[in-house]
PDB file of all heavy atoms in Angstrom:
ATOM      1  N   SER A   1       7.097 -20.172   3.650  1.00  0.00           N
ATOM      2  CA  SER A   1       6.064 -19.068   3.621  1.00  0.00           C
ATOM      3  C   SER A   1       6.725 -17.774   3.171  1.00  0.00           C
ATOM      4  O   SER A   1       8.007 -17.667   3.050  1.00  0.00           O
ATOM      5  CB  SER A   1       5.606 -18.773   5.072  1.00  0.00           C
ATOM      6  OG  SER A   1       6.587 -18.302   5.868  1.00  0.00           O
ATOM      7  N   LEU A   2       5.870 -16.801   2.789  1.00  0.00           N
ATOM      8  CA  LEU A   2       6.401 -15.518   2.264  1.00  0.00           C
ATOM      9  C   LEU A   2       7.132 -14.796   3.425  1.00  0.00           C
ATOM     10  O   LEU A   2       8.017 -14.044   3.164  1.00  0.00           O
ATOM     11  CB  LEU A   2       5.181 -14.608   1.864  1.00  0.00           C
ATOM     12  CG  LEU A   2       5.456 -13.165   1.399  1.00  0.00           C
ATOM     13  CD1 LEU A   2       6.513 -13.194   0.247  1.00  0.00           C
ATOM     14  CD2 LEU A   2       4.205 -12.473   1.081  1.00  0.00           C
ATOM     15  N   HIS A   3       6.675 -15.009   4.671  1.00  0.00           N
ATOM     16  CA  HIS A   3       7.322 -14.368   5.846  1.00  0.00           C
ATOM     17  C   HIS A   3       8.723 -14.929   5.948  1.00  0.00           C
ATOM     18  O   HIS A   3       9.674 -14.064   6.157  1.00  0.00           O
ATOM     19  CB  HIS A   3       6.485 -14.816   7.120  1.00  0.00           C
ATOM     20  CG  HIS A   3       7.144 -14.153   8.371  1.00  0.00           C
ATOM     21  ND1 HIS A   3       8.207 -14.825   9.022  1.00  0.00           N
ATOM     22  CD2 HIS A   3       6.909 -12.996   9.021  1.00  0.00           C
ATOM     23  CE1 HIS A   3       8.534 -14.141  10.186  1.00  0.00           C
ATOM     24  NE2 HIS A   3       7.849 -12.994  10.087  1.00  0.00           N
ATOM     25  N   GLU A   4       8.963 -16.070   5.886  1.00  0.00           N
ATOM     26  CA  GLU A   4      10.425 -16.674   5.995  1.00  0.00           C
ATOM     27  C   GLU A   4      11.179 -16.227   4.747  1.00  0.00           C
ATOM     28  O   GLU A   4      12.394 -15.920   4.969  1.00  0.00           O
ATOM     29  CB  GLU A   4      10.322 -18.243   6.019  1.00  0.00           C
ATOM     30  CG  GLU A   4       9.656 -18.761   7.249  1.00  0.00           C
ATOM     31  CD  GLU A   4      10.422 -18.113   8.425  1.00  0.00           C
ATOM     32  OE1 GLU A   4      11.538 -18.426   8.696  1.00  0.00           O
ATOM     33  OE2 GLU A   4       9.623 -17.552   9.226  1.00  0.00           O
ATOM     34  N   ALA A   5      10.700 -16.094   3.603  1.00  0.00           N
ATOM     35  CA  ALA A   5      11.434 -15.604   2.399  1.00  0.00           C
ATOM     36  C   ALA A   5      11.906 -14.199   2.626  1.00  0.00           C
ATOM     37  O   ALA A   5      13.024 -13.802   2.243  1.00  0.00           O
ATOM     38  CB  ALA A   5      10.576 -15.795   1.241  1.00  0.00           C
ATOM     39  N   LEU A   6      10.959 -13.356   3.234  1.00  0.00           N
ATOM     40  CA  LEU A   6      11.320 -11.940   3.375  1.00  0.00           C
ATOM     41  C   LEU A   6      11.990 -11.606   4.683  1.00  0.00           C
ATOM     42  O   LEU A   6      12.912 -10.705   4.719  1.00  0.00           O
ATOM     43  CB  LEU A   6      10.115 -11.102   3.245  1.00  0.00           C
ATOM     44  CG  LEU A   6       9.483 -11.070   1.861  1.00  0.00           C
ATOM     45  CD1 LEU A   6       8.185 -10.210   1.863  1.00  0.00           C
ATOM     46  CD2 LEU A   6      10.365 -10.630   0.807  1.00  0.00           C
ATOM     47  N   PHE A   7      11.465 -12.198   5.776  1.00  0.00           N
ATOM     48  CA  PHE A   7      11.872 -11.696   7.176  1.00  0.00           C
ATOM     49  C   PHE A   7      12.461 -12.922   8.013  1.00  0.00           C
ATOM     50  O   PHE A   7      12.779 -12.603   9.115  1.00  0.00           O
ATOM     51  CB  PHE A   7      10.573 -11.117   7.865  1.00  0.00           C
ATOM     52  CG  PHE A   7       9.920 -10.226   7.066  1.00  0.00           C
ATOM     53  CD1 PHE A   7       8.491 -10.378   6.664  1.00  0.00           C
ATOM     54  CD2 PHE A   7      10.434  -8.990   6.655  1.00  0.00           C
ATOM     55  CE1 PHE A   7       7.815  -9.485   5.971  1.00  0.00           C
ATOM     56  CE2 PHE A   7       9.716  -7.939   5.917  1.00  0.00           C
ATOM     57  CZ  PHE A   7       8.277  -8.344   5.525  1.00  0.00           C
ATOM     58  N   GLY A   8      12.644 -14.038   7.368  1.00  0.00           N
ATOM     59  CA  GLY A   8      13.203 -15.093   8.193  1.00  0.00           C
ATOM     60  C   GLY A   8      14.701 -14.929   8.551  1.00  0.00           C
ATOM     61  O   GLY A   8      15.347 -14.045   7.868  1.00  0.00           O
ATOM     62  N   ASP A   9      15.231 -15.791   9.365  1.00  0.00           N
ATOM     63  CA  ASP A   9      16.650 -15.706   9.714  1.00  0.00           C
ATOM     64  C   ASP A   9      17.643 -15.912   8.598  1.00  0.00           C
ATOM     65  O   ASP A   9      18.768 -15.364   8.473  1.00  0.00           O
ATOM     66  CB  ASP A   9      16.971 -16.708  10.852  1.00  0.00           C
ATOM     67  CG  ASP A   9      16.313 -16.405  12.147  1.00  0.00           C
ATOM     68  OD1 ASP A   9      15.945 -15.075  12.267  1.00  0.00           O
ATOM     69  OD2 ASP A   9      16.163 -17.273  13.033  1.00  0.00           O
ATOM     70  N   GLU A  10      17.133 -16.750   7.545  1.00  0.00           N
ATOM     71  CA  GLU A  10      17.922 -17.015   6.461  1.00  0.00           C
ATOM     72  C   GLU A  10      17.756 -16.134   5.172  1.00  0.00           C
ATOM     73  O   GLU A  10      18.280 -16.453   4.114  1.00  0.00           O
ATOM     74  CB  GLU A  10      17.842 -18.571   5.996  1.00  0.00           C
ATOM     75  CG  GLU A  10      18.149 -19.508   7.105  1.00  0.00           C
ATOM     76  CD  GLU A  10      19.477 -19.408   7.717  1.00  0.00           C
ATOM     77  OE1 GLU A  10      20.389 -19.165   6.896  1.00  0.00           O
ATOM     78  OE2 GLU A  10      19.615 -19.482   8.963  1.00  0.00           O
ATOM     79  N   SER A  11      16.955 -15.170   5.346  1.00  0.00           N
ATOM     80  CA  SER A  11      16.457 -14.293   4.125  1.00  0.00           C
ATOM     81  C   SER A  11      17.675 -13.484   3.789  1.00  0.00           C
ATOM     82  O   SER A  11      18.481 -12.988   4.565  1.00  0.00           O
ATOM     83  CB  SER A  11      15.431 -13.387   4.550  1.00  0.00           C
ATOM     84  OG  SER A  11      15.101 -12.471   3.620  1.00  0.00           O
ATOM     85  N   ARG A  12      17.754 -13.262   2.360  1.00  0.00           N
ATOM     86  CA  ARG A  12      18.779 -12.380   1.884  1.00  0.00           C
ATOM     87  C   ARG A  12      18.134 -11.071   1.256  1.00  0.00           C
ATOM     88  O   ARG A  12      18.757 -10.562   0.369  1.00  0.00           O
ATOM     89  CB  ARG A  12      19.524 -13.241   0.670  1.00  0.00           C
ATOM     90  CG  ARG A  12      20.089 -14.531   1.056  1.00  0.00           C
ATOM     91  CD  ARG A  12      21.125 -14.363   2.174  1.00  0.00           C
ATOM     92  NE  ARG A  12      22.214 -13.565   1.763  1.00  0.00           N
ATOM     93  CZ  ARG A  12      23.246 -13.123   2.436  1.00  0.00           C
ATOM     94  NH1 ARG A  12      23.197 -13.629   3.829  1.00  0.00           N
ATOM     95  NH2 ARG A  12      24.159 -12.420   2.021  1.00  0.00           N
ATOM     96  N   LEU A  13      17.075 -10.798   1.894  1.00  0.00           N
ATOM     97  CA  LEU A  13      16.383  -9.565   1.449  1.00  0.00           C
ATOM     98  C   LEU A  13      17.315  -8.293   1.625  1.00  0.00           C
ATOM     99  O   LEU A  13      17.260  -7.381   0.850  1.00  0.00           O
ATOM    100  CB  LEU A  13      15.069  -9.351   2.193  1.00  0.00           C
ATOM    101  CG  LEU A  13      14.287  -8.124   1.855  1.00  0.00           C
ATOM    102  CD1 LEU A  13      13.922  -8.037   0.470  1.00  0.00           C
ATOM    103  CD2 LEU A  13      13.000  -7.924   2.825  1.00  0.00           C
ATOM    104  N   ALA A  14      17.933  -8.306   2.747  1.00  0.00           N
ATOM    105  CA  ALA A  14      18.805  -7.073   2.994  1.00  0.00           C
ATOM    106  C   ALA A  14      19.849  -6.820   1.903  1.00  0.00           C
ATOM    107  O   ALA A  14      20.094  -5.740   1.488  1.00  0.00           O
ATOM    108  CB  ALA A  14      19.589  -7.298   4.374  1.00  0.00           C
ATOM    109  N   ASP A  15      20.526  -7.871   1.478  1.00  0.00           N
ATOM    110  CA  ASP A  15      21.391  -7.851   0.352  1.00  0.00           C
ATOM    111  C   ASP A  15      20.725  -7.159  -1.005  1.00  0.00           C
ATOM    112  O   ASP A  15      21.285  -6.299  -1.598  1.00  0.00           O
ATOM    113  CB  ASP A  15      22.043  -9.041  -0.069  1.00  0.00           C
ATOM    114  CG  ASP A  15      22.902  -9.722   1.024  1.00  0.00           C
ATOM    115  OD1 ASP A  15      23.415  -8.877   1.927  1.00  0.00           O
ATOM    116  OD2 ASP A  15      22.967 -10.943   1.251  1.00  0.00           O
ATOM    117  N   ARG A  16      19.476  -7.623  -1.254  1.00  0.00           N
ATOM    118  CA  ARG A  16      18.822  -7.118  -2.475  1.00  0.00           C
ATOM    119  C   ARG A  16      18.388  -5.698  -2.200  1.00  0.00           C
ATOM    120  O   ARG A  16      18.521  -4.884  -3.214  1.00  0.00           O
ATOM    121  CB  ARG A  16      17.633  -8.022  -2.612  1.00  0.00           C
ATOM    122  CG  ARG A  16      17.873  -9.450  -2.917  1.00  0.00           C
ATOM    123  CD  ARG A  16      18.666  -9.627  -4.148  1.00  0.00           C
ATOM    124  NE  ARG A  16      19.237 -11.038  -4.369  1.00  0.00           N
ATOM    125  CZ  ARG A  16      18.492 -12.042  -4.866  1.00  0.00           C
ATOM    126  NH1 ARG A  16      17.265 -11.779  -5.347  1.00  0.00           N
ATOM    127  NH2 ARG A  16      18.992 -13.157  -4.943  1.00  0.00           N
ATOM    128  N   LEU A  17      18.087  -5.285  -0.985  1.00  0.00           N
ATOM    129  CA  LEU A  17      17.681  -3.942  -0.731  1.00  0.00           C
ATOM    130  C   LEU A  17      18.861  -3.006  -1.041  1.00  0.00           C
ATOM    131  O   LEU A  17      18.900  -1.929  -1.521  1.00  0.00           O
ATOM    132  CB  LEU A  17      17.071  -3.823   0.548  1.00  0.00           C
ATOM    133  CG  LEU A  17      15.668  -4.484   0.753  1.00  0.00           C
ATOM    134  CD1 LEU A  17      15.300  -4.397   2.228  1.00  0.00           C
ATOM    135  CD2 LEU A  17      14.780  -3.948  -0.147  1.00  0.00           C
ATOM    136  N   LEU A  18      20.032  -3.472  -0.376  1.00  0.00           N
ATOM    137  CA  LEU A  18      21.259  -2.592  -0.563  1.00  0.00           C
ATOM    138  C   LEU A  18      21.623  -2.300  -2.002  1.00  0.00           C
ATOM    139  O   LEU A  18      22.070  -1.333  -2.230  1.00  0.00           O
ATOM    140  CB  LEU A  18      22.377  -3.160   0.275  1.00  0.00           C
ATOM    141  CG  LEU A  18      22.166  -3.132   1.780  1.00  0.00           C
ATOM    142  CD1 LEU A  18      23.386  -3.953   2.467  1.00  0.00           C
ATOM    143  CD2 LEU A  18      22.186  -1.706   2.226  1.00  0.00           C
ATOM    144  N   ALA A  19      21.445  -3.342  -2.791  1.00  0.00           N
ATOM    145  CA  ALA A  19      21.736  -3.131  -4.236  1.00  0.00           C
ATOM    146  C   ALA A  19      20.755  -2.289  -4.935  1.00  0.00           C
ATOM    147  O   ALA A  19      21.082  -1.587  -5.867  1.00  0.00           O
ATOM    148  CB  ALA A  19      21.730  -4.605  -4.900  1.00  0.00           C
ATOM    149  N   LEU A  20      19.543  -2.269  -4.386  1.00  0.00           N
ATOM    150  CA  LEU A  20      18.492  -1.371  -5.012  1.00  0.00           C
ATOM    151  C   LEU A  20      18.675   0.168  -4.672  1.00  0.00           C
ATOM    152  O   LEU A  20      17.991   0.928  -5.311  1.00  0.00           O
ATOM    153  CB  LEU A  20      17.107  -1.876  -4.709  1.00  0.00           C
ATOM    154  CG  LEU A  20      16.788  -3.230  -5.246  1.00  0.00           C
ATOM    155  CD1 LEU A  20      15.373  -3.669  -4.857  1.00  0.00           C
ATOM    156  CD2 LEU A  20      16.838  -3.227  -6.811  1.00  0.00           C
ATOM    157  N   VAL A  21      19.426   0.425  -3.595  1.00  0.00           N
ATOM    158  CA  VAL A  21      19.591   1.681  -3.100  1.00  0.00           C
ATOM    159  C   VAL A  21      20.354   2.498  -4.236  1.00  0.00           C
ATOM    160  O   VAL A  21      20.181   3.825  -4.313  1.00  0.00           O
ATOM    161  CB  VAL A  21      20.406   1.776  -1.841  1.00  0.00           C
ATOM    162  CG1 VAL A  21      20.777   3.177  -1.450  1.00  0.00           C
ATOM    163  CG2 VAL A  21      19.446   1.262  -0.610  1.00  0.00           C
ATOM    164  N   ILE A  22      21.113   1.857  -5.083  1.00  0.00           N
ATOM    165  CA  ILE A  22      21.864   2.581  -6.096  1.00  0.00           C
ATOM    166  C   ILE A  22      21.172   2.315  -7.505  1.00  0.00           C
ATOM    167  O   ILE A  22      21.857   2.314  -8.459  1.00  0.00           O
ATOM    168  CB  ILE A  22      23.415   2.207  -6.101  1.00  0.00           C
ATOM    169  CG1 ILE A  22      23.533   0.687  -6.154  1.00  0.00           C
ATOM    170  CG2 ILE A  22      23.949   2.700  -4.862  1.00  0.00           C
ATOM    171  CD1 ILE A  22      24.971   0.191  -6.391  1.00  0.00           C
ATOM    172  N   HIS A  23      19.983   1.955  -7.505  1.00  0.00           N
ATOM    173  CA  HIS A  23      19.361   1.652  -8.738  1.00  0.00           C
ATOM    174  C   HIS A  23      19.176   2.920  -9.633  1.00  0.00           C
ATOM    175  O   HIS A  23      19.066   4.054  -9.132  1.00  0.00           O
ATOM    176  CB  HIS A  23      17.853   1.120  -8.490  1.00  0.00           C
ATOM    177  CG  HIS A  23      17.084   0.511  -9.670  1.00  0.00           C
ATOM    178  ND1 HIS A  23      16.386   1.307 -10.553  1.00  0.00           N
ATOM    179  CD2 HIS A  23      17.156  -0.751 -10.194  1.00  0.00           C
ATOM    180  CE1 HIS A  23      15.969   0.503 -11.517  1.00  0.00           C
ATOM    181  NE2 HIS A  23      16.298  -0.745 -11.272  1.00  0.00           N
ATOM    182  N   PRO A  24      19.249   2.720 -10.935  1.00  0.00           N
ATOM    183  CA  PRO A  24      19.141   3.999 -11.734  1.00  0.00           C
ATOM    184  C   PRO A  24      17.794   4.830 -11.622  1.00  0.00           C
ATOM    185  O   PRO A  24      17.983   6.059 -11.829  1.00  0.00           O
ATOM    186  CB  PRO A  24      19.258   3.340 -13.179  1.00  0.00           C
ATOM    187  CG  PRO A  24      19.911   2.146 -13.005  1.00  0.00           C
ATOM    188  CD  PRO A  24      19.492   1.582 -11.721  1.00  0.00           C
ATOM    189  N   GLU A  25      16.759   4.154 -11.158  1.00  0.00           N
ATOM    190  CA  GLU A  25      15.501   4.822 -11.200  1.00  0.00           C
ATOM    191  C   GLU A  25      15.350   5.456  -9.775  1.00  0.00           C
ATOM    192  O   GLU A  25      15.330   4.707  -8.700  1.00  0.00           O
ATOM    193  CB  GLU A  25      14.285   3.967 -11.612  1.00  0.00           C
ATOM    194  CG  GLU A  25      14.397   3.553 -13.005  1.00  0.00           C
ATOM    195  CD  GLU A  25      13.219   2.753 -13.460  1.00  0.00           C
ATOM    196  OE1 GLU A  25      12.034   3.009 -12.921  1.00  0.00           O
ATOM    197  OE2 GLU A  25      13.385   1.899 -14.384  1.00  0.00           O
ATOM    198  N   GLU A  26      15.089   6.616  -9.644  1.00  0.00           N
ATOM    199  CA  GLU A  26      14.954   7.331  -8.279  1.00  0.00           C
ATOM    200  C   GLU A  26      13.761   6.744  -7.441  1.00  0.00           C
ATOM    201  O   GLU A  26      13.924   6.568  -6.134  1.00  0.00           O
ATOM    202  CB  GLU A  26      14.878   8.809  -8.466  1.00  0.00           C
ATOM    203  CG  GLU A  26      14.823   9.674  -7.084  1.00  0.00           C
ATOM    204  CD  GLU A  26      14.586  11.041  -7.318  1.00  0.00           C
ATOM    205  OE1 GLU A  26      14.570  11.459  -8.512  1.00  0.00           O
ATOM    206  OE2 GLU A  26      14.685  11.845  -6.330  1.00  0.00           O
ATOM    207  N   ASP A  27      12.627   6.413  -8.179  1.00  0.00           N
ATOM    208  CA  ASP A  27      11.508   6.004  -7.319  1.00  0.00           C
ATOM    209  C   ASP A  27      11.916   4.611  -6.672  1.00  0.00           C
ATOM    210  O   ASP A  27      11.473   4.346  -5.489  1.00  0.00           O
ATOM    211  CB  ASP A  27      10.298   5.728  -8.233  1.00  0.00           C
ATOM    212  CG  ASP A  27       9.710   7.063  -8.742  1.00  0.00           C
ATOM    213  OD1 ASP A  27       9.998   8.014  -8.094  1.00  0.00           O
ATOM    214  OD2 ASP A  27       8.871   6.985  -9.615  1.00  0.00           O
ATOM    215  N   VAL A  28      12.660   3.673  -7.413  1.00  0.00           N
ATOM    216  CA  VAL A  28      13.132   2.474  -6.832  1.00  0.00           C
ATOM    217  C   VAL A  28      14.070   2.756  -5.684  1.00  0.00           C
ATOM    218  O   VAL A  28      13.927   2.039  -4.591  1.00  0.00           O
ATOM    219  CB  VAL A  28      13.761   1.617  -7.953  1.00  0.00           C
ATOM    220  CG1 VAL A  28      14.314   0.359  -7.293  1.00  0.00           C
ATOM    221  CG2 VAL A  28      12.716   1.302  -8.945  1.00  0.00           C
ATOM    222  N   GLN A  29      15.012   3.679  -5.809  1.00  0.00           N
ATOM    223  CA  GLN A  29      15.874   4.095  -4.666  1.00  0.00           C
ATOM    224  C   GLN A  29      15.289   4.413  -3.365  1.00  0.00           C
ATOM    225  O   GLN A  29      15.401   3.845  -2.346  1.00  0.00           O
ATOM    226  CB  GLN A  29      16.868   5.075  -5.158  1.00  0.00           C
ATOM    227  CG  GLN A  29      17.815   4.845  -6.222  1.00  0.00           C
ATOM    228  CD  GLN A  29      18.625   6.055  -6.654  1.00  0.00           C
ATOM    229  OE1 GLN A  29      18.632   6.964  -5.802  1.00  0.00           O
ATOM    230  NE2 GLN A  29      19.287   6.078  -7.721  1.00  0.00           N
ATOM    231  N   ILE A  30      14.263   5.391  -3.573  1.00  0.00           N
ATOM    232  CA  ILE A  30      13.507   5.970  -2.473  1.00  0.00           C
ATOM    233  C   ILE A  30      12.712   4.731  -1.776  1.00  0.00           C
ATOM    234  O   ILE A  30      12.673   4.582  -0.568  1.00  0.00           O
ATOM    235  CB  ILE A  30      12.648   6.971  -2.939  1.00  0.00           C
ATOM    236  CG1 ILE A  30      13.458   8.123  -3.341  1.00  0.00           C
ATOM    237  CG2 ILE A  30      11.740   7.518  -1.798  1.00  0.00           C
ATOM    238  CD1 ILE A  30      12.716   9.259  -4.001  1.00  0.00           C
ATOM    239  N   GLN A  31      12.087   3.875  -2.555  1.00  0.00           N
ATOM    240  CA  GLN A  31      11.238   2.891  -2.006  1.00  0.00           C
ATOM    241  C   GLN A  31      12.041   1.777  -1.334  1.00  0.00           C
ATOM    242  O   GLN A  31      11.729   1.250  -0.272  1.00  0.00           O
ATOM    243  CB  GLN A  31      10.313   2.271  -3.087  1.00  0.00           C
ATOM    244  CG  GLN A  31       9.252   1.381  -2.545  1.00  0.00           C
ATOM    245  CD  GLN A  31       8.224   2.145  -1.662  1.00  0.00           C
ATOM    246  OE1 GLN A  31       7.921   3.309  -1.947  1.00  0.00           O
ATOM    247  NE2 GLN A  31       7.891   1.472  -0.515  1.00  0.00           N
ATOM    248  N   ALA A  32      13.225   1.469  -1.760  1.00  0.00           N
ATOM    249  CA  ALA A  32      14.127   0.565  -1.122  1.00  0.00           C
ATOM    250  C   ALA A  32      14.509   1.148   0.156  1.00  0.00           C
ATOM    251  O   ALA A  32      14.657   0.368   1.210  1.00  0.00           O
ATOM    252  CB  ALA A  32      15.340   0.425  -2.005  1.00  0.00           C
ATOM    253  N   CYS A  33      14.829   2.423   0.312  1.00  0.00           N
ATOM    254  CA  CYS A  33      15.271   3.096   1.554  1.00  0.00           C
ATOM    255  C   CYS A  33      14.033   3.035   2.577  1.00  0.00           C
ATOM    256  O   CYS A  33      14.291   2.755   3.707  1.00  0.00           O
ATOM    257  CB  CYS A  33      15.548   4.519   1.413  1.00  0.00           C
ATOM    258  SG  CYS A  33      17.235   4.749   0.483  1.00  0.00           S
ATOM    259  N   LYS A  34      12.839   3.158   2.067  1.00  0.00           N
ATOM    260  CA  LYS A  34      11.650   3.029   2.909  1.00  0.00           C
ATOM    261  C   LYS A  34      11.515   1.694   3.511  1.00  0.00           C
ATOM    262  O   LYS A  34      11.255   1.464   4.751  1.00  0.00           O
ATOM    263  CB  LYS A  34      10.332   3.495   2.183  1.00  0.00           C
ATOM    264  CG  LYS A  34      10.213   4.880   1.791  1.00  0.00           C
ATOM    265  CD  LYS A  34       8.973   5.105   1.178  1.00  0.00           C
ATOM    266  CE  LYS A  34       8.719   6.656   0.877  1.00  0.00           C
ATOM    267  NZ  LYS A  34       7.517   6.876   0.150  1.00  0.00           N
ATOM    268  N   VAL A  35      11.731   0.633   2.746  1.00  0.00           N
ATOM    269  CA  VAL A  35      11.747  -0.728   3.198  1.00  0.00           C
ATOM    270  C   VAL A  35      12.804  -0.973   4.238  1.00  0.00           C
ATOM    271  O   VAL A  35      12.513  -1.535   5.403  1.00  0.00           O
ATOM    272  CB  VAL A  35      11.877  -1.758   2.093  1.00  0.00           C
ATOM    273  CG1 VAL A  35      11.819  -3.145   2.637  1.00  0.00           C
ATOM    274  CG2 VAL A  35      10.751  -1.574   0.996  1.00  0.00           C
ATOM    275  N   ILE A  36      14.064  -0.576   4.103  1.00  0.00           N
ATOM    276  CA  ILE A  36      15.095  -0.576   4.972  1.00  0.00           C
ATOM    277  C   ILE A  36      14.617   0.045   6.328  1.00  0.00           C
ATOM    278  O   ILE A  36      14.939  -0.584   7.405  1.00  0.00           O
ATOM    279  CB  ILE A  36      16.435   0.003   4.449  1.00  0.00           C
ATOM    280  CG1 ILE A  36      16.855  -0.821   3.231  1.00  0.00           C
ATOM    281  CG2 ILE A  36      17.392   0.111   5.520  1.00  0.00           C
ATOM    282  CD1 ILE A  36      18.054  -0.254   2.543  1.00  0.00           C
ATOM    283  N   VAL A  37      14.088   1.255   6.278  1.00  0.00           N
ATOM    284  CA  VAL A  37      13.763   1.943   7.468  1.00  0.00           C
ATOM    285  C   VAL A  37      12.671   1.048   8.228  1.00  0.00           C
ATOM    286  O   VAL A  37      12.663   0.983   9.438  1.00  0.00           O
ATOM    287  CB  VAL A  37      13.269   3.390   7.133  1.00  0.00           C
ATOM    288  CG1 VAL A  37      12.579   4.062   8.397  1.00  0.00           C
ATOM    289  CG2 VAL A  37      14.430   4.182   6.695  1.00  0.00           C
ATOM    290  N   SER A  38      11.602   0.635   7.513  1.00  0.00           N
ATOM    291  CA  SER A  38      10.614  -0.188   8.127  1.00  0.00           C
ATOM    292  C   SER A  38      11.153  -1.487   8.764  1.00  0.00           C
ATOM    293  O   SER A  38      10.624  -1.861   9.739  1.00  0.00           O
ATOM    294  CB  SER A  38       9.449  -0.509   7.017  1.00  0.00           C
ATOM    295  OG  SER A  38       9.977  -1.459   6.151  1.00  0.00           O
ATOM    296  N   LEU A  39      12.318  -2.007   8.214  1.00  0.00           N
ATOM    297  CA  LEU A  39      12.741  -3.114   8.759  1.00  0.00           C
ATOM    298  C   LEU A  39      13.594  -2.920  10.048  1.00  0.00           C
ATOM    299  O   LEU A  39      13.474  -3.728  11.009  1.00  0.00           O
ATOM    300  CB  LEU A  39      13.697  -3.865   7.857  1.00  0.00           C
ATOM    301  CG  LEU A  39      13.028  -4.516   6.532  1.00  0.00           C
ATOM    302  CD1 LEU A  39      14.204  -5.042   5.652  1.00  0.00           C
ATOM    303  CD2 LEU A  39      12.097  -5.663   6.930  1.00  0.00           C
ATOM    304  N   GLN A  40      14.097  -1.727  10.101  1.00  0.00           N
ATOM    305  CA  GLN A  40      15.031  -1.362  11.186  1.00  0.00           C
ATOM    306  C   GLN A  40      14.243  -0.824  12.460  1.00  0.00           C
ATOM    307  O   GLN A  40      14.745  -1.003  13.544  1.00  0.00           O
ATOM    308  CB  GLN A  40      16.040  -0.392  10.806  1.00  0.00           C
ATOM    309  CG  GLN A  40      17.040  -0.821   9.804  1.00  0.00           C
ATOM    310  CD  GLN A  40      17.977  -1.772  10.475  1.00  0.00           C
ATOM    311  OE1 GLN A  40      17.739  -2.985  10.554  1.00  0.00           O
ATOM    312  NE2 GLN A  40      19.288  -1.415  10.805  1.00  0.00           N
ATOM    313  N   CYS A  41      13.096  -0.132  12.110  1.00  0.00           N
ATOM    314  CA  CYS A  41      12.359   0.526  13.114  1.00  0.00           C
ATOM    315  C   CYS A  41      10.964   0.034  13.260  1.00  0.00           C
ATOM    316  O   CYS A  41      10.054   0.483  12.506  1.00  0.00           O
ATOM    317  CB  CYS A  41      12.276   2.103  12.835  1.00  0.00           C
ATOM    318  SG  CYS A  41      14.051   2.848  12.819  1.00  0.00           S
ATOM    319  N   PRO A  42      10.630  -0.729  14.265  1.00  0.00           N
ATOM    320  CA  PRO A  42       9.183  -1.164  14.407  1.00  0.00           C
ATOM    321  C   PRO A  42       8.295   0.022  14.714  1.00  0.00           C
ATOM    322  O   PRO A  42       8.762   1.074  15.180  1.00  0.00           O
ATOM    323  CB  PRO A  42       9.249  -2.129  15.695  1.00  0.00           C
ATOM    324  CG  PRO A  42      10.682  -2.463  15.701  1.00  0.00           C
ATOM    325  CD  PRO A  42      11.470  -1.514  15.058  1.00  0.00           C
ATOM    326  N   GLN A  43       6.990  -0.060  14.455  1.00  0.00           N
ATOM    327  CA  GLN A  43       6.158   1.259  14.553  1.00  0.00           C
ATOM    328  C   GLN A  43       6.020   1.703  15.934  1.00  0.00           C
ATOM    329  O   GLN A  43       5.968   2.866  16.204  1.00  0.00           O
ATOM    330  CB  GLN A  43       4.790   0.749  14.005  1.00  0.00           C
ATOM    331  CG  GLN A  43       4.756   0.734  12.473  1.00  0.00           C
ATOM    332  CD  GLN A  43       3.359   0.568  11.948  1.00  0.00           C
ATOM    333  OE1 GLN A  43       2.310   0.456  12.756  1.00  0.00           O
ATOM    334  NE2 GLN A  43       3.229   0.668  10.739  1.00  0.00           N
TER     335      GLN A  43
END
């Protein structure tokens, strides 16, 4: 499922997000940080 690909125990999403924090485009950097924050802090 999409859930397991993104949020499952074996997901490598965190590694991809960390790489995007230094992306050349600022919009991509900011959005990657937003995803990291949403993963760390439940609403």
